[in-house]
């Protein structure tokens, strides 16, 4: 990513206040911001139900050196119809509590569609 793009992206995130999120997701322009409660070493990869202001996401990868988060990004890229580079881990790479920014998702999972109504 060029320095110019990094600055532009930083400017966009500076205007969004994730602490004011009242749900597990919010839109910041065309970017979907998700608060995640991750479950590594699960039996299967799945997007679960919201738990408070977090969305539960389970992955089969073991939590070793952030590899479960990397695997989660790969899994979610398919679920949201974007490439892995379109998903940014804002915080929580080595934690079960994470925040992700997904740029211009082309597919919205049912759990998000249901909560938009």
N, C-alpha and C. Protein backbone atom coordinates (compact mmCIF):
# COMPACT_ATOMS: atom_id res chain seq x y z
N UNK A 1 0.86 -1.17 0.00
CA UNK A 1 0.00 0.00 0.00
C UNK A 1 0.90 1.23 0.00
N UNK A 2 0.59 2.18 -0.86
CA UNK A 2 1.41 3.38 -0.94
C UNK A 2 1.16 4.27 0.27
N UNK A 3 2.11 5.17 0.52
CA UNK A 3 1.98 6.09 1.65
C UNK A 3 0.73 6.95 1.51
N UNK A 4 0.43 7.34 0.27
CA UNK A 4 -0.75 8.17 0.01
C UNK A 4 -2.03 7.44 0.40
N UNK A 5 -2.13 6.15 0.02
CA UNK A 5 -3.30 5.36 0.37
C UNK A 5 -3.40 5.16 1.88
N UNK A 6 -2.24 4.96 2.53
CA UNK A 6 -2.25 4.79 3.99
C UNK A 6 -2.78 6.05 4.66
N UNK A 7 -2.35 7.21 4.18
CA UNK A 7 -2.82 8.47 4.77
C UNK A 7 -4.31 8.65 4.54
N UNK A 8 -4.77 8.34 3.34
CA UNK A 8 -6.19 8.45 3.02
C UNK A 8 -7.00 7.52 3.91
N UNK A 9 -6.54 6.29 4.08
CA UNK A 9 -7.24 5.32 4.92
C UNK A 9 -7.24 5.78 6.38
N UNK A 10 -6.12 6.32 6.84
CA UNK A 10 -6.02 6.82 8.22
C UNK A 10 -7.01 7.96 8.43
N UNK A 11 -7.11 8.86 7.44
CA UNK A 11 -8.06 9.96 7.56
C UNK A 11 -9.49 9.45 7.69
N UNK A 12 -9.83 8.40 6.93
CA UNK A 12 -11.17 7.83 7.02
C UNK A 12 -11.44 7.25 8.40
N UNK A 13 -10.46 6.55 8.96
CA UNK A 13 -10.68 5.92 10.25
C UNK A 13 -10.68 6.93 11.38
N UNK A 14 -10.03 8.07 11.18
CA UNK A 14 -10.01 9.09 12.22
C UNK A 14 -11.39 9.70 12.47
N UNK A 15 -12.27 9.69 11.47
CA UNK A 15 -13.59 10.29 11.64
C UNK A 15 -14.58 9.31 12.25
N UNK A 16 -14.27 8.04 12.27
CA UNK A 16 -15.17 7.02 12.79
C UNK A 16 -14.81 6.70 14.23
N UNK A 17 -15.78 6.73 15.12
CA UNK A 17 -15.53 6.45 16.53
C UNK A 17 -16.13 5.09 16.87
N UNK A 18 -15.28 4.07 16.92
CA UNK A 18 -15.77 2.71 17.17
C UNK A 18 -16.29 2.53 18.58
N UNK A 19 -15.92 3.39 19.50
CA UNK A 19 -16.38 3.27 20.89
C UNK A 19 -17.86 3.60 21.01
N UNK A 20 -18.42 4.27 20.01
CA UNK A 20 -19.84 4.63 20.05
C UNK A 20 -20.72 3.59 19.35
N UNK A 21 -20.13 2.47 18.95
CA UNK A 21 -20.91 1.42 18.29
C UNK A 21 -21.90 0.81 19.29
N UNK A 22 -23.17 0.75 18.89
CA UNK A 22 -24.20 0.19 19.76
C UNK A 22 -24.56 -1.24 19.34
N UNK A 23 -23.94 -1.69 18.27
CA UNK A 23 -24.19 -3.02 17.74
C UNK A 23 -22.85 -3.68 17.47
N UNK A 24 -22.88 -4.92 17.00
CA UNK A 24 -21.64 -5.61 16.67
C UNK A 24 -21.06 -5.14 15.35
N UNK A 25 -21.83 -4.35 14.60
CA UNK A 25 -21.33 -3.83 13.34
C UNK A 25 -21.77 -2.38 13.14
N UNK A 26 -21.05 -1.70 12.27
CA UNK A 26 -21.41 -0.34 11.89
C UNK A 26 -20.82 -0.09 10.50
N UNK A 27 -21.42 0.84 9.79
CA UNK A 27 -20.91 1.23 8.48
C UNK A 27 -20.15 2.54 8.61
N UNK A 28 -18.99 2.59 8.00
CA UNK A 28 -18.19 3.82 7.89
C UNK A 28 -17.99 4.05 6.40
N UNK A 29 -18.97 4.68 5.78
CA UNK A 29 -18.97 4.79 4.32
C UNK A 29 -19.23 3.42 3.73
N UNK A 30 -18.33 2.95 2.86
CA UNK A 30 -18.48 1.62 2.28
C UNK A 30 -17.70 0.55 3.05
N UNK A 31 -17.22 0.91 4.23
CA UNK A 31 -16.45 -0.01 5.07
C UNK A 31 -17.34 -0.54 6.19
N UNK A 32 -17.40 -1.86 6.31
CA UNK A 32 -18.14 -2.51 7.38
C UNK A 32 -17.18 -2.74 8.55
N UNK A 33 -17.51 -2.19 9.70
CA UNK A 33 -16.70 -2.35 10.91
C UNK A 33 -17.37 -3.41 11.77
N UNK A 34 -16.62 -4.45 12.12
CA UNK A 34 -17.17 -5.56 12.91
C UNK A 34 -16.40 -5.72 14.21
N UNK A 35 -17.12 -5.84 15.31
CA UNK A 35 -16.53 -6.25 16.58
C UNK A 35 -16.71 -7.75 16.68
N UNK A 36 -15.62 -8.46 16.91
CA UNK A 36 -15.61 -9.92 16.86
C UNK A 36 -15.27 -10.52 18.22
N UNK A 37 -15.96 -11.60 18.56
CA UNK A 37 -15.57 -12.47 19.65
C UNK A 37 -15.15 -13.77 18.98
N UNK A 38 -13.85 -13.99 18.89
CA UNK A 38 -13.32 -15.13 18.17
C UNK A 38 -13.24 -16.39 19.02
N UNK A 39 -13.47 -17.52 18.39
CA UNK A 39 -13.30 -18.82 19.04
C UNK A 39 -12.36 -19.65 18.17
N UNK A 40 -11.09 -19.78 18.59
CA UNK A 40 -10.16 -20.61 17.83
C UNK A 40 -10.34 -22.09 18.19
N UNK A 41 -9.73 -22.95 17.42
CA UNK A 41 -9.75 -24.40 17.65
C UNK A 41 -11.17 -24.96 17.75
N UNK A 42 -12.06 -24.42 16.96
CA UNK A 42 -13.46 -24.89 16.94
C UNK A 42 -13.58 -26.13 16.06
N UNK A 43 -14.72 -26.78 16.13
CA UNK A 43 -14.96 -27.97 15.31
C UNK A 43 -15.14 -27.61 13.84
N UNK A 44 -15.69 -26.40 13.58
CA UNK A 44 -15.89 -25.97 12.20
C UNK A 44 -15.83 -24.45 12.13
N UNK A 45 -15.60 -23.95 10.94
CA UNK A 45 -15.59 -22.51 10.70
C UNK A 45 -17.03 -22.04 10.55
N UNK A 46 -17.42 -21.03 11.31
CA UNK A 46 -18.78 -20.51 11.15
C UNK A 46 -18.91 -19.11 11.74
N UNK A 47 -19.88 -18.40 11.20
CA UNK A 47 -20.28 -17.11 11.75
C UNK A 47 -21.46 -17.40 12.64
N UNK A 48 -21.33 -17.06 13.91
CA UNK A 48 -22.37 -17.37 14.88
C UNK A 48 -23.34 -16.22 15.09
N UNK A 49 -23.86 -16.16 16.29
CA UNK A 49 -24.83 -15.14 16.66
C UNK A 49 -24.14 -13.98 17.38
N UNK A 50 -24.78 -12.82 17.38
CA UNK A 50 -24.23 -11.71 18.15
C UNK A 50 -24.27 -12.03 19.64
N UNK A 51 -23.26 -11.59 20.33
CA UNK A 51 -23.20 -11.71 21.78
C UNK A 51 -22.87 -10.33 22.31
N UNK A 52 -23.90 -9.62 22.77
CA UNK A 52 -23.70 -8.22 23.17
C UNK A 52 -23.35 -7.40 21.95
N UNK A 53 -22.24 -6.65 22.02
CA UNK A 53 -21.84 -5.84 20.87
C UNK A 53 -20.70 -6.50 20.09
N UNK A 54 -20.67 -7.84 20.11
CA UNK A 54 -19.69 -8.59 19.34
C UNK A 54 -20.39 -9.70 18.57
N UNK A 55 -19.80 -10.06 17.43
CA UNK A 55 -20.29 -11.17 16.63
C UNK A 55 -19.37 -12.35 16.87
N UNK A 56 -19.95 -13.48 17.22
CA UNK A 56 -19.15 -14.67 17.50
C UNK A 56 -18.76 -15.33 16.18
N UNK A 57 -17.45 -15.55 16.02
CA UNK A 57 -16.93 -16.22 14.84
C UNK A 57 -15.99 -17.32 15.29
N UNK A 58 -16.26 -18.54 14.84
CA UNK A 58 -15.45 -19.69 15.20
C UNK A 58 -14.62 -20.14 14.01
N UNK A 59 -13.37 -20.50 14.29
CA UNK A 59 -12.50 -21.03 13.24
C UNK A 59 -11.77 -22.27 13.77
N UNK A 60 -11.38 -23.14 12.86
CA UNK A 60 -10.72 -24.38 13.24
C UNK A 60 -9.24 -24.20 13.56
N UNK A 61 -8.66 -23.10 13.17
CA UNK A 61 -7.22 -22.87 13.38
C UNK A 61 -6.89 -22.69 14.85
N UNK A 62 -5.71 -23.17 15.23
CA UNK A 62 -5.24 -23.03 16.61
C UNK A 62 -4.69 -21.62 16.83
N UNK A 63 -4.83 -21.10 18.05
CA UNK A 63 -4.38 -19.74 18.36
C UNK A 63 -2.88 -19.68 18.64
N UNK A 64 -2.08 -19.87 17.62
CA UNK A 64 -0.63 -19.86 17.77
C UNK A 64 -0.06 -18.70 16.96
N UNK A 65 0.47 -17.71 17.65
CA UNK A 65 1.14 -16.60 16.97
C UNK A 65 0.27 -15.81 16.01
N UNK A 66 -1.01 -15.68 16.28
CA UNK A 66 -1.90 -14.92 15.42
C UNK A 66 -2.40 -15.67 14.20
N UNK A 67 -2.07 -16.96 14.10
CA UNK A 67 -2.48 -17.73 12.92
C UNK A 67 -3.99 -17.94 12.86
N UNK A 68 -4.64 -17.99 14.00
CA UNK A 68 -6.11 -18.13 14.00
C UNK A 68 -6.75 -16.87 13.42
N UNK A 69 -6.19 -15.72 13.73
CA UNK A 69 -6.71 -14.46 13.17
C UNK A 69 -6.47 -14.42 11.67
N UNK A 70 -5.28 -14.81 11.24
CA UNK A 70 -5.00 -14.84 9.80
C UNK A 70 -5.96 -15.78 9.08
N UNK A 71 -6.23 -16.93 9.68
CA UNK A 71 -7.17 -17.88 9.11
C UNK A 71 -8.58 -17.30 9.09
N UNK A 72 -8.95 -16.58 10.17
CA UNK A 72 -10.27 -15.95 10.24
C UNK A 72 -10.44 -14.94 9.11
N UNK A 73 -9.40 -14.16 8.84
CA UNK A 73 -9.45 -13.18 7.75
C UNK A 73 -9.68 -13.90 6.42
N UNK A 74 -8.97 -15.01 6.21
CA UNK A 74 -9.14 -15.79 4.98
C UNK A 74 -10.56 -16.33 4.87
N UNK A 75 -11.08 -16.88 5.97
CA UNK A 75 -12.45 -17.41 6.01
C UNK A 75 -13.46 -16.30 5.73
N UNK A 76 -13.31 -15.15 6.39
CA UNK A 76 -14.27 -14.06 6.23
C UNK A 76 -14.18 -13.41 4.85
N UNK A 77 -13.02 -13.46 4.23
CA UNK A 77 -12.91 -12.88 2.88
C UNK A 77 -13.84 -13.62 1.92
N UNK A 78 -13.96 -14.93 2.08
CA UNK A 78 -14.88 -15.70 1.24
C UNK A 78 -16.33 -15.40 1.61
N UNK A 79 -16.60 -15.30 2.90
CA UNK A 79 -17.97 -15.07 3.37
C UNK A 79 -18.51 -13.69 2.94
N UNK A 80 -17.62 -12.70 2.85
CA UNK A 80 -18.03 -11.34 2.50
C UNK A 80 -17.75 -10.99 1.04
N UNK A 81 -17.17 -11.93 0.29
CA UNK A 81 -16.92 -11.70 -1.13
C UNK A 81 -15.87 -10.64 -1.41
N UNK A 82 -14.83 -10.60 -0.59
CA UNK A 82 -13.74 -9.64 -0.79
C UNK A 82 -12.40 -10.39 -0.77
N UNK A 83 -11.34 -9.70 -1.12
CA UNK A 83 -10.02 -10.32 -1.01
C UNK A 83 -9.50 -10.12 0.42
N UNK A 84 -8.48 -10.89 0.78
CA UNK A 84 -7.92 -10.79 2.14
C UNK A 84 -7.37 -9.40 2.41
N UNK A 85 -6.85 -8.74 1.39
CA UNK A 85 -6.28 -7.40 1.60
C UNK A 85 -7.36 -6.35 1.88
N UNK A 86 -8.63 -6.68 1.62
CA UNK A 86 -9.73 -5.76 1.91
C UNK A 86 -10.22 -5.86 3.35
N UNK A 87 -9.60 -6.74 4.14
CA UNK A 87 -9.95 -6.88 5.55
C UNK A 87 -8.77 -6.44 6.39
N UNK A 88 -9.02 -5.45 7.23
CA UNK A 88 -7.98 -4.91 8.11
C UNK A 88 -8.31 -5.29 9.55
N UNK A 89 -7.33 -5.84 10.25
CA UNK A 89 -7.49 -6.12 11.67
C UNK A 89 -7.09 -4.85 12.41
N UNK A 90 -8.06 -4.14 12.96
CA UNK A 90 -7.80 -2.88 13.65
C UNK A 90 -7.10 -3.15 14.97
N UNK A 91 -7.65 -4.07 15.75
CA UNK A 91 -7.00 -4.50 16.98
C UNK A 91 -7.40 -5.93 17.30
N UNK A 92 -6.62 -6.60 18.16
CA UNK A 92 -6.97 -7.93 18.63
C UNK A 92 -6.38 -9.07 17.84
N UNK A 93 -5.30 -8.84 17.12
CA UNK A 93 -4.71 -9.93 16.33
C UNK A 93 -4.34 -11.12 17.20
N UNK A 94 -3.92 -10.88 18.44
CA UNK A 94 -3.51 -11.96 19.33
C UNK A 94 -4.52 -12.15 20.47
N UNK A 95 -5.76 -11.74 20.25
CA UNK A 95 -6.79 -11.80 21.29
C UNK A 95 -8.09 -12.35 20.69
N UNK A 96 -8.99 -12.81 21.55
CA UNK A 96 -10.29 -13.25 21.05
C UNK A 96 -11.19 -12.06 20.74
N UNK A 97 -10.90 -10.90 21.34
CA UNK A 97 -11.66 -9.68 21.09
C UNK A 97 -10.97 -8.89 19.98
N UNK A 98 -11.67 -8.71 18.87
CA UNK A 98 -11.08 -8.09 17.68
C UNK A 98 -12.02 -7.06 17.09
N UNK A 99 -11.43 -6.20 16.29
CA UNK A 99 -12.23 -5.33 15.44
C UNK A 99 -11.66 -5.42 14.03
N UNK A 100 -12.54 -5.63 13.07
CA UNK A 100 -12.15 -5.74 11.67
C UNK A 100 -12.85 -4.66 10.86
N UNK A 101 -12.17 -4.21 9.81
CA UNK A 101 -12.75 -3.29 8.83
C UNK A 101 -12.74 -3.99 7.49
N UNK A 102 -13.92 -4.18 6.91
CA UNK A 102 -14.06 -4.88 5.64
C UNK A 102 -14.49 -3.87 4.59
N UNK A 103 -13.61 -3.63 3.63
CA UNK A 103 -13.87 -2.63 2.60
C UNK A 103 -14.78 -3.19 1.51
N UNK A 104 -15.88 -2.51 1.27
CA UNK A 104 -16.83 -2.81 0.19
C UNK A 104 -17.20 -4.28 0.07
N UNK A 105 -17.80 -4.86 1.12
CA UNK A 105 -18.21 -6.27 1.01
C UNK A 105 -19.28 -6.44 -0.08
N UNK A 106 -19.15 -7.50 -0.86
CA UNK A 106 -20.13 -7.76 -1.92
C UNK A 106 -21.21 -8.73 -1.47
N UNK A 107 -20.96 -9.43 -0.36
CA UNK A 107 -21.92 -10.37 0.21
C UNK A 107 -22.07 -10.02 1.69
N UNK A 108 -23.31 -10.00 2.18
CA UNK A 108 -23.54 -9.81 3.61
C UNK A 108 -24.15 -11.08 4.19
N UNK A 109 -23.50 -11.67 5.20
CA UNK A 109 -24.07 -12.85 5.84
C UNK A 109 -25.44 -12.56 6.45
N UNK A 110 -26.23 -13.59 6.60
CA UNK A 110 -27.62 -13.44 7.09
C UNK A 110 -27.70 -12.71 8.42
N UNK A 111 -26.76 -12.95 9.32
CA UNK A 111 -26.82 -12.33 10.64
C UNK A 111 -26.77 -10.80 10.53
N UNK A 112 -26.06 -10.28 9.56
CA UNK A 112 -26.01 -8.83 9.38
C UNK A 112 -27.26 -8.33 8.68
N UNK A 113 -27.71 -9.05 7.68
CA UNK A 113 -28.93 -8.67 6.97
C UNK A 113 -30.11 -8.62 7.93
N UNK A 114 -30.20 -9.61 8.83
CA UNK A 114 -31.31 -9.64 9.80
C UNK A 114 -31.28 -8.44 10.74
N UNK A 115 -30.10 -8.01 11.13
CA UNK A 115 -29.99 -6.90 12.09
C UNK A 115 -30.11 -5.53 11.43
N UNK A 116 -30.11 -5.47 10.11
CA UNK A 116 -30.28 -4.18 9.42
C UNK A 116 -31.72 -3.74 9.40
N UNK A 117 -32.63 -4.68 9.55
CA UNK A 117 -34.06 -4.36 9.45
C UNK A 117 -34.57 -3.68 10.68
